[in-house]
Amino acid sequence: VVKEHITNRNFSRIYLFCGSEQYL
């Protein structure tokens, strides 16, 4: 999803990054 948003430069207004895998 992140790659697609960057490639198309079609960003959401708000993002929440969460989850158990902090490195990714």
PDB file of all heavy atoms in Angstrom:
ATOM      1  N   VAL A   1       0.834  -1.200   0.000  1.00  0.00           N
ATOM      2  CA  VAL A   1       0.000   0.000   0.000  1.00  0.00           C
ATOM      3  C   VAL A   1       0.871   1.253   0.000  1.00  0.00           C
ATOM      4  O   VAL A   1       0.638   2.194  -0.771  1.00  0.00           O
ATOM      5  CB  VAL A   1      -0.947   0.002   1.214  1.00  0.00           C
ATOM      6  CG1 VAL A   1      -1.679   1.340   1.321  1.00  0.00           C
ATOM      7  CG2 VAL A   1      -1.947  -1.133   1.103  1.00  0.00           C
ATOM      8  N   VAL A   2       1.892   1.276   0.862  1.00  0.00           N
ATOM      9  CA  VAL A   2       2.801   2.426   0.925  1.00  0.00           C
ATOM     10  C   VAL A   2       3.498   2.621  -0.421  1.00  0.00           C
ATOM     11  O   VAL A   2       3.595   3.747  -0.937  1.00  0.00           O
ATOM     12  CB  VAL A   2       3.845   2.234   2.050  1.00  0.00           C
ATOM     13  CG1 VAL A   2       4.902   3.337   1.985  1.00  0.00           C
ATOM     14  CG2 VAL A   2       3.156   2.236   3.413  1.00  0.00           C
ATOM     15  N   LYS A   3       3.968   1.532  -1.003  1.00  0.00           N
ATOM     16  CA  LYS A   3       4.658   1.612  -2.301  1.00  0.00           C
ATOM     17  C   LYS A   3       3.732   2.160  -3.374  1.00  0.00           C
ATOM     18  O   LYS A   3       4.134   2.993  -4.199  1.00  0.00           O
ATOM     19  CB  LYS A   3       5.161   0.223  -2.701  1.00  0.00           C
ATOM     20  CG  LYS A   3       5.994   0.215  -3.976  1.00  0.00           C
ATOM     21  CD  LYS A   3       6.533  -1.173  -4.268  1.00  0.00           C
ATOM     22  CE  LYS A   3       7.375  -1.173  -5.539  1.00  0.00           C
ATOM     23  NZ  LYS A   3       7.904  -2.539  -5.850  1.00  0.00           N
ATOM     24  N   GLU A   4       2.480   1.712  -3.365  1.00  0.00           N
ATOM     25  CA  GLU A   4       1.510   2.181  -4.352  1.00  0.00           C
ATOM     26  C   GLU A   4       1.225   3.668  -4.183  1.00  0.00           C
ATOM     27  O   GLU A   4       1.177   4.430  -5.162  1.00  0.00           O
ATOM     28  CB  GLU A   4       0.206   1.389  -4.207  1.00  0.00           C
ATOM     29  CG  GLU A   4      -0.879   1.819  -5.183  1.00  0.00           C
ATOM     30  CD  GLU A   4      -2.205   1.142  -4.897  1.00  0.00           C
ATOM     31  OE1 GLU A   4      -2.209   0.094  -4.209  1.00  0.00           O
ATOM     32  OE2 GLU A   4      -3.233   1.674  -5.352  1.00  0.00           O
ATOM     33  N   HIS A   5       1.067   4.122  -2.943  1.00  0.00           N
ATOM     34  CA  HIS A   5       0.805   5.541  -2.693  1.00  0.00           C
ATOM     35  C   HIS A   5       1.976   6.408  -3.135  1.00  0.00           C
ATOM     36  O   HIS A   5       1.777   7.493  -3.676  1.00  0.00           O
ATOM     37  CB  HIS A   5       0.525   5.762  -1.208  1.00  0.00           C
ATOM     38  CG  HIS A   5      -0.829   5.293  -0.778  1.00  0.00           C
ATOM     39  ND1 HIS A   5      -1.458   5.779   0.345  1.00  0.00           N
ATOM     40  CD2 HIS A   5      -1.670   4.371  -1.306  1.00  0.00           C
ATOM     41  CE1 HIS A   5      -2.633   5.185   0.482  1.00  0.00           C
ATOM     42  NE2 HIS A   5      -2.771   4.316  -0.500  1.00  0.00           N
ATOM     43  N   ILE A   6       3.193   5.913  -2.900  1.00  0.00           N
ATOM     44  CA  ILE A   6       4.388   6.669  -3.290  1.00  0.00           C
ATOM     45  C   ILE A   6       4.523   6.714  -4.810  1.00  0.00           C
ATOM     46  O   ILE A   6       4.782   7.773  -5.401  1.00  0.00           O
ATOM     47  CB  ILE A   6       5.643   6.042  -2.661  1.00  0.00           C
ATOM     48  CG1 ILE A   6       5.641   6.247  -1.141  1.00  0.00           C
ATOM     49  CG2 ILE A   6       6.912   6.649  -3.270  1.00  0.00           C
ATOM     50  CD1 ILE A   6       6.760   5.524  -0.418  1.00  0.00           C
ATOM     51  N   THR A   7       4.336   5.556  -5.447  1.00  0.00           N
ATOM     52  CA  THR A   7       4.480   5.473  -6.904  1.00  0.00           C
ATOM     53  C   THR A   7       3.478   6.373  -7.619  1.00  0.00           C
ATOM     54  O   THR A   7       3.819   7.099  -8.565  1.00  0.00           O
ATOM     55  CB  THR A   7       4.289   4.019  -7.376  1.00  0.00           C
ATOM     56  OG1 THR A   7       5.259   3.186  -6.742  1.00  0.00           O
ATOM     57  CG2 THR A   7       4.446   3.913  -8.888  1.00  0.00           C
ATOM     58  N   ASN A   8       2.237   6.355  -7.152  1.00  0.00           N
ATOM     59  CA  ASN A   8       1.175   7.142  -7.794  1.00  0.00           C
ATOM     60  C   ASN A   8       1.060   8.554  -7.242  1.00  0.00           C
ATOM     61  O   ASN A   8       0.289   9.359  -7.768  1.00  0.00           O
ATOM     62  CB  ASN A   8      -0.176   6.430  -7.628  1.00  0.00           C
ATOM     63  CG  ASN A   8      -0.199   5.071  -8.288  1.00  0.00           C
ATOM     64  OD1 ASN A   8       0.477   4.845  -9.287  1.00  0.00           O
ATOM     65  ND2 ASN A   8      -0.964   4.145  -7.724  1.00  0.00           N
ATOM     66  N   ARG A   9       1.821   8.823  -6.184  1.00  0.00           N
ATOM     67  CA  ARG A   9       1.724  10.104  -5.468  1.00  0.00           C
ATOM     68  C   ARG A   9       0.256  10.441  -5.200  1.00  0.00           C
ATOM     69  O   ARG A   9      -0.228  11.551  -5.433  1.00  0.00           O
ATOM     70  CB  ARG A   9       2.410  11.235  -6.251  1.00  0.00           C
ATOM     71  CG  ARG A   9       3.911  11.095  -6.290  1.00  0.00           C
ATOM     72  CD  ARG A   9       4.621  12.387  -6.652  1.00  0.00           C
ATOM     73  NE  ARG A   9       4.423  13.440  -5.677  1.00  0.00           N
ATOM     74  CZ  ARG A   9       5.048  13.529  -4.487  1.00  0.00           C
ATOM     75  NH1 ARG A   9       5.918  12.583  -4.136  1.00  0.00           N
ATOM     76  NH2 ARG A   9       4.813  14.538  -3.684  1.00  0.00           N
ATOM     77  N   ASN A  10      -0.434   9.455  -4.684  1.00  0.00           N
ATOM     78  CA  ASN A  10      -1.853   9.577  -4.364  1.00  0.00           C
ATOM     79  C   ASN A  10      -1.999   9.283  -2.871  1.00  0.00           C
ATOM     80  O   ASN A  10      -2.359   8.181  -2.462  1.00  0.00           O
ATOM     81  CB  ASN A  10      -2.653   8.583  -5.198  1.00  0.00           C
ATOM     82  CG  ASN A  10      -4.130   8.911  -5.218  1.00  0.00           C
ATOM     83  OD1 ASN A  10      -4.554   9.976  -4.762  1.00  0.00           O
ATOM     84  ND2 ASN A  10      -4.926   8.007  -5.754  1.00  0.00           N
ATOM     85  N   PHE A  11      -1.666  10.293  -2.064  1.00  0.00           N
ATOM     86  CA  PHE A  11      -1.541  10.092  -0.620  1.00  0.00           C
ATOM     87  C   PHE A  11      -2.873  10.265   0.116  1.00  0.00           C
ATOM     88  O   PHE A  11      -3.724  11.060  -0.278  1.00  0.00           O
ATOM     89  CB  PHE A  11      -0.534  11.080  -0.036  1.00  0.00           C
ATOM     90  CG  PHE A  11       0.820  11.022  -0.683  1.00  0.00           C
ATOM     91  CD1 PHE A  11       1.319  12.103  -1.393  1.00  0.00           C
ATOM     92  CD2 PHE A  11       1.595   9.874  -0.586  1.00  0.00           C
ATOM     93  CE1 PHE A  11       2.569  12.053  -1.985  1.00  0.00           C
ATOM     94  CE2 PHE A  11       2.846   9.811  -1.184  1.00  0.00           C
ATOM     95  CZ  PHE A  11       3.327  10.902  -1.888  1.00  0.00           C
ATOM     96  N   SER A  12      -3.009   9.514   1.205  1.00  0.00           N
ATOM     97  CA  SER A  12      -4.116   9.738   2.125  1.00  0.00           C
ATOM     98  C   SER A  12      -3.818  10.979   2.963  1.00  0.00           C
ATOM     99  O   SER A  12      -2.658  11.379   3.114  1.00  0.00           O
ATOM    100  CB  SER A  12      -4.307   8.536   3.051  1.00  0.00           C
ATOM    101  OG  SER A  12      -4.735   7.403   2.334  1.00  0.00           O
ATOM    102  N   ARG A  13      -4.850  11.560   3.530  1.00  0.00           N
ATOM    103  CA  ARG A  13      -4.628  12.727   4.396  1.00  0.00           C
ATOM    104  C   ARG A  13      -4.038  12.310   5.739  1.00  0.00           C
ATOM    105  O   ARG A  13      -3.281  13.060   6.348  1.00  0.00           O
ATOM    106  CB  ARG A  13      -5.948  13.469   4.622  1.00  0.00           C
ATOM    107  CG  ARG A  13      -6.448  14.251   3.425  1.00  0.00           C
ATOM    108  CD  ARG A  13      -7.723  14.977   3.751  1.00  0.00           C
ATOM    109  NE  ARG A  13      -8.814  14.036   4.045  1.00  0.00           N
ATOM    110  CZ  ARG A  13      -9.927  14.361   4.684  1.00  0.00           C
ATOM    111  NH1 ARG A  13     -10.100  15.590   5.128  1.00  0.00           N
ATOM    112  NH2 ARG A  13     -10.871  13.464   4.898  1.00  0.00           N
ATOM    113  N   ILE A  14      -4.402  11.095   6.200  1.00  0.00           N
ATOM    114  CA  ILE A  14      -3.964  10.634   7.525  1.00  0.00           C
ATOM    115  C   ILE A  14      -3.494   9.190   7.416  1.00  0.00           C
ATOM    116  O   ILE A  14      -4.148   8.360   6.773  1.00  0.00           O
ATOM    117  CB  ILE A  14      -5.111  10.717   8.558  1.00  0.00           C
ATOM    118  CG1 ILE A  14      -5.752  12.108   8.538  1.00  0.00           C
ATOM    119  CG2 ILE A  14      -4.591  10.398   9.960  1.00  0.00           C
ATOM    120  CD1 ILE A  14      -7.067  12.185   9.301  1.00  0.00           C
ATOM    121  N   TYR A  15      -2.371   8.894   8.076  1.00  0.00           N
ATOM    122  CA  TYR A  15      -1.858   7.525   8.138  1.00  0.00           C
ATOM    123  C   TYR A  15      -1.628   7.145   9.596  1.00  0.00           C
ATOM    124  O   TYR A  15      -1.225   7.976  10.415  1.00  0.00           O
ATOM    125  CB  TYR A  15      -0.516   7.401   7.412  1.00  0.00           C
ATOM    126  CG  TYR A  15      -0.574   7.524   5.902  1.00  0.00           C
ATOM    127  CD1 TYR A  15      -0.422   8.762   5.295  1.00  0.00           C
ATOM    128  CD2 TYR A  15      -0.761   6.405   5.102  1.00  0.00           C
ATOM    129  CE1 TYR A  15      -0.449   8.889   3.918  1.00  0.00           C
ATOM    130  CE2 TYR A  15      -0.791   6.517   3.720  1.00  0.00           C
ATOM    131  CZ  TYR A  15      -0.638   7.756   3.126  1.00  0.00           C
ATOM    132  OH  TYR A  15      -0.667   7.872   1.759  1.00  0.00           O
ATOM    133  N   LEU A  16      -1.853   5.878   9.895  1.00  0.00           N
ATOM    134  CA  LEU A  16      -1.489   5.330  11.199  1.00  0.00           C
ATOM    135  C   LEU A  16      -0.642   4.077  10.967  1.00  0.00           C
ATOM    136  O   LEU A  16      -1.126   3.080  10.429  1.00  0.00           O
ATOM    137  CB  LEU A  16      -2.726   4.971  12.020  1.00  0.00           C
ATOM    138  CG  LEU A  16      -2.473   4.173  13.310  1.00  0.00           C
ATOM    139  CD1 LEU A  16      -1.561   4.944  14.260  1.00  0.00           C
ATOM    140  CD2 LEU A  16      -3.788   3.817  13.995  1.00  0.00           C
ATOM    141  N   PHE A  17       0.640   4.143  11.353  1.00  0.00           N
ATOM    142  CA  PHE A  17       1.539   2.991  11.289  1.00  0.00           C
ATOM    143  C   PHE A  17       1.527   2.321  12.663  1.00  0.00           C
ATOM    144  O   PHE A  17       1.830   2.956  13.674  1.00  0.00           O
ATOM    145  CB  PHE A  17       2.962   3.435  10.942  1.00  0.00           C
ATOM    146  CG  PHE A  17       3.147   3.838   9.503  1.00  0.00           C
ATOM    147  CD1 PHE A  17       2.732   5.089   9.063  1.00  0.00           C
ATOM    148  CD2 PHE A  17       3.723   2.971   8.594  1.00  0.00           C
ATOM    149  CE1 PHE A  17       2.890   5.478   7.740  1.00  0.00           C
ATOM    150  CE2 PHE A  17       3.890   3.341   7.274  1.00  0.00           C
ATOM    151  CZ  PHE A  17       3.469   4.591   6.837  1.00  0.00           C
ATOM    152  N   CYS A  18       1.198   1.037  12.693  1.00  0.00           N
ATOM    153  CA  CYS A  18       1.116   0.339  13.971  1.00  0.00           C
ATOM    154  C   CYS A  18       1.411  -1.144  13.755  1.00  0.00           C
ATOM    155  O   CYS A  18       1.727  -1.576  12.649  1.00  0.00           O
ATOM    156  CB  CYS A  18      -0.268   0.524  14.600  1.00  0.00           C
ATOM    157  SG  CYS A  18      -1.633  -0.051  13.557  1.00  0.00           S
ATOM    158  N   GLY A  19       1.317  -1.942  14.831  1.00  0.00           N
ATOM    159  CA  GLY A  19       1.562  -3.371  14.729  1.00  0.00           C
ATOM    160  C   GLY A  19       2.787  -3.809  15.505  1.00  0.00           C
ATOM    161  O   GLY A  19       3.527  -2.990  16.065  1.00  0.00           O
ATOM    162  N   SER A  20       3.029  -5.116  15.514  1.00  0.00           N
ATOM    163  CA  SER A  20       4.109  -5.691  16.325  1.00  0.00           C
ATOM    164  C   SER A  20       5.472  -5.609  15.659  1.00  0.00           C
ATOM    165  O   SER A  20       6.498  -5.691  16.332  1.00  0.00           O
ATOM    166  CB  SER A  20       3.796  -7.161  16.636  1.00  0.00           C
ATOM    167  OG  SER A  20       3.652  -7.904  15.432  1.00  0.00           O
ATOM    168  N   GLU A  21       5.516  -5.441  14.342  1.00  0.00           N
ATOM    169  CA  GLU A  21       6.802  -5.434  13.630  1.00  0.00           C
ATOM    170  C   GLU A  21       7.278  -4.001  13.388  1.00  0.00           C
ATOM    171  O   GLU A  21       6.966  -3.367  12.379  1.00  0.00           O
ATOM    172  CB  GLU A  21       6.679  -6.194  12.302  1.00  0.00           C
ATOM    173  CG  GLU A  21       7.986  -6.329  11.540  1.00  0.00           C
ATOM    174  CD  GLU A  21       9.162  -6.704  12.429  1.00  0.00           C
ATOM    175  OE1 GLU A  21       9.180  -7.822  12.960  1.00  0.00           O
ATOM    176  OE2 GLU A  21      10.057  -5.852  12.598  1.00  0.00           O
ATOM    177  N   GLN A  22       8.045  -3.481  14.355  1.00  0.00           N
ATOM    178  CA  GLN A  22       8.467  -2.088  14.311  1.00  0.00           C
ATOM    179  C   GLN A  22       9.473  -1.808  13.199  1.00  0.00           C
ATOM    180  O   GLN A  22       9.496  -0.710  12.631  1.00  0.00           O
ATOM    181  CB  GLN A  22       9.075  -1.696  15.663  1.00  0.00           C
ATOM    182  CG  GLN A  22       8.097  -1.797  16.810  1.00  0.00           C
ATOM    183  CD  GLN A  22       8.696  -1.322  18.120  1.00  0.00           C
ATOM    184  OE1 GLN A  22       9.497  -0.405  18.153  1.00  0.00           O
ATOM    185  NE2 GLN A  22       8.313  -1.973  19.212  1.00  0.00           N
ATOM    186  N   TYR A  23      10.318  -2.795  12.884  1.00  0.00           N
ATOM    187  CA  TYR A  23      11.345  -2.592  11.854  1.00  0.00           C
ATOM    188  C   TYR A  23      10.694  -2.264  10.513  1.00  0.00           C
ATOM    189  O   TYR A  23      11.040  -1.273   9.864  1.00  0.00           O
ATOM    190  CB  TYR A  23      12.208  -3.852  11.742  1.00  0.00           C
ATOM    191  CG  TYR A  23      13.259  -3.803  10.657  1.00  0.00           C
ATOM    192  CD1 TYR A  23      14.491  -3.187  10.887  1.00  0.00           C
ATOM    193  CD2 TYR A  23      13.030  -4.377   9.413  1.00  0.00           C
ATOM    194  CE1 TYR A  23      15.460  -3.148   9.897  1.00  0.00           C
ATOM    195  CE2 TYR A  23      13.989  -4.341   8.420  1.00  0.00           C
ATOM    196  CZ  TYR A  23      15.208  -3.728   8.658  1.00  0.00           C
ATOM    197  OH  TYR A  23      16.158  -3.686   7.673  1.00  0.00           O
ATOM    198  N   LEU A  24       9.749  -3.080  10.067  1.00  0.00           N
ATOM    199  CA  LEU A  24       9.074  -2.849   8.793  1.00  0.00           C
ATOM    200  C   LEU A  24       8.236  -1.582   8.830  1.00  0.00           C
ATOM    201  O   LEU A  24       8.192  -0.827   7.857  1.00  0.00           O
ATOM    202  CB  LEU A  24       8.186  -4.042   8.449  1.00  0.00           C
ATOM    203  CG  LEU A  24       8.881  -5.335   8.001  1.00  0.00           C
ATOM    204  CD1 LEU A  24       7.845  -6.404   7.701  1.00  0.00           C
ATOM    205  CD2 LEU A  24       9.759  -5.096   6.784  1.00  0.00           C
TER     206      LEU A  24
END
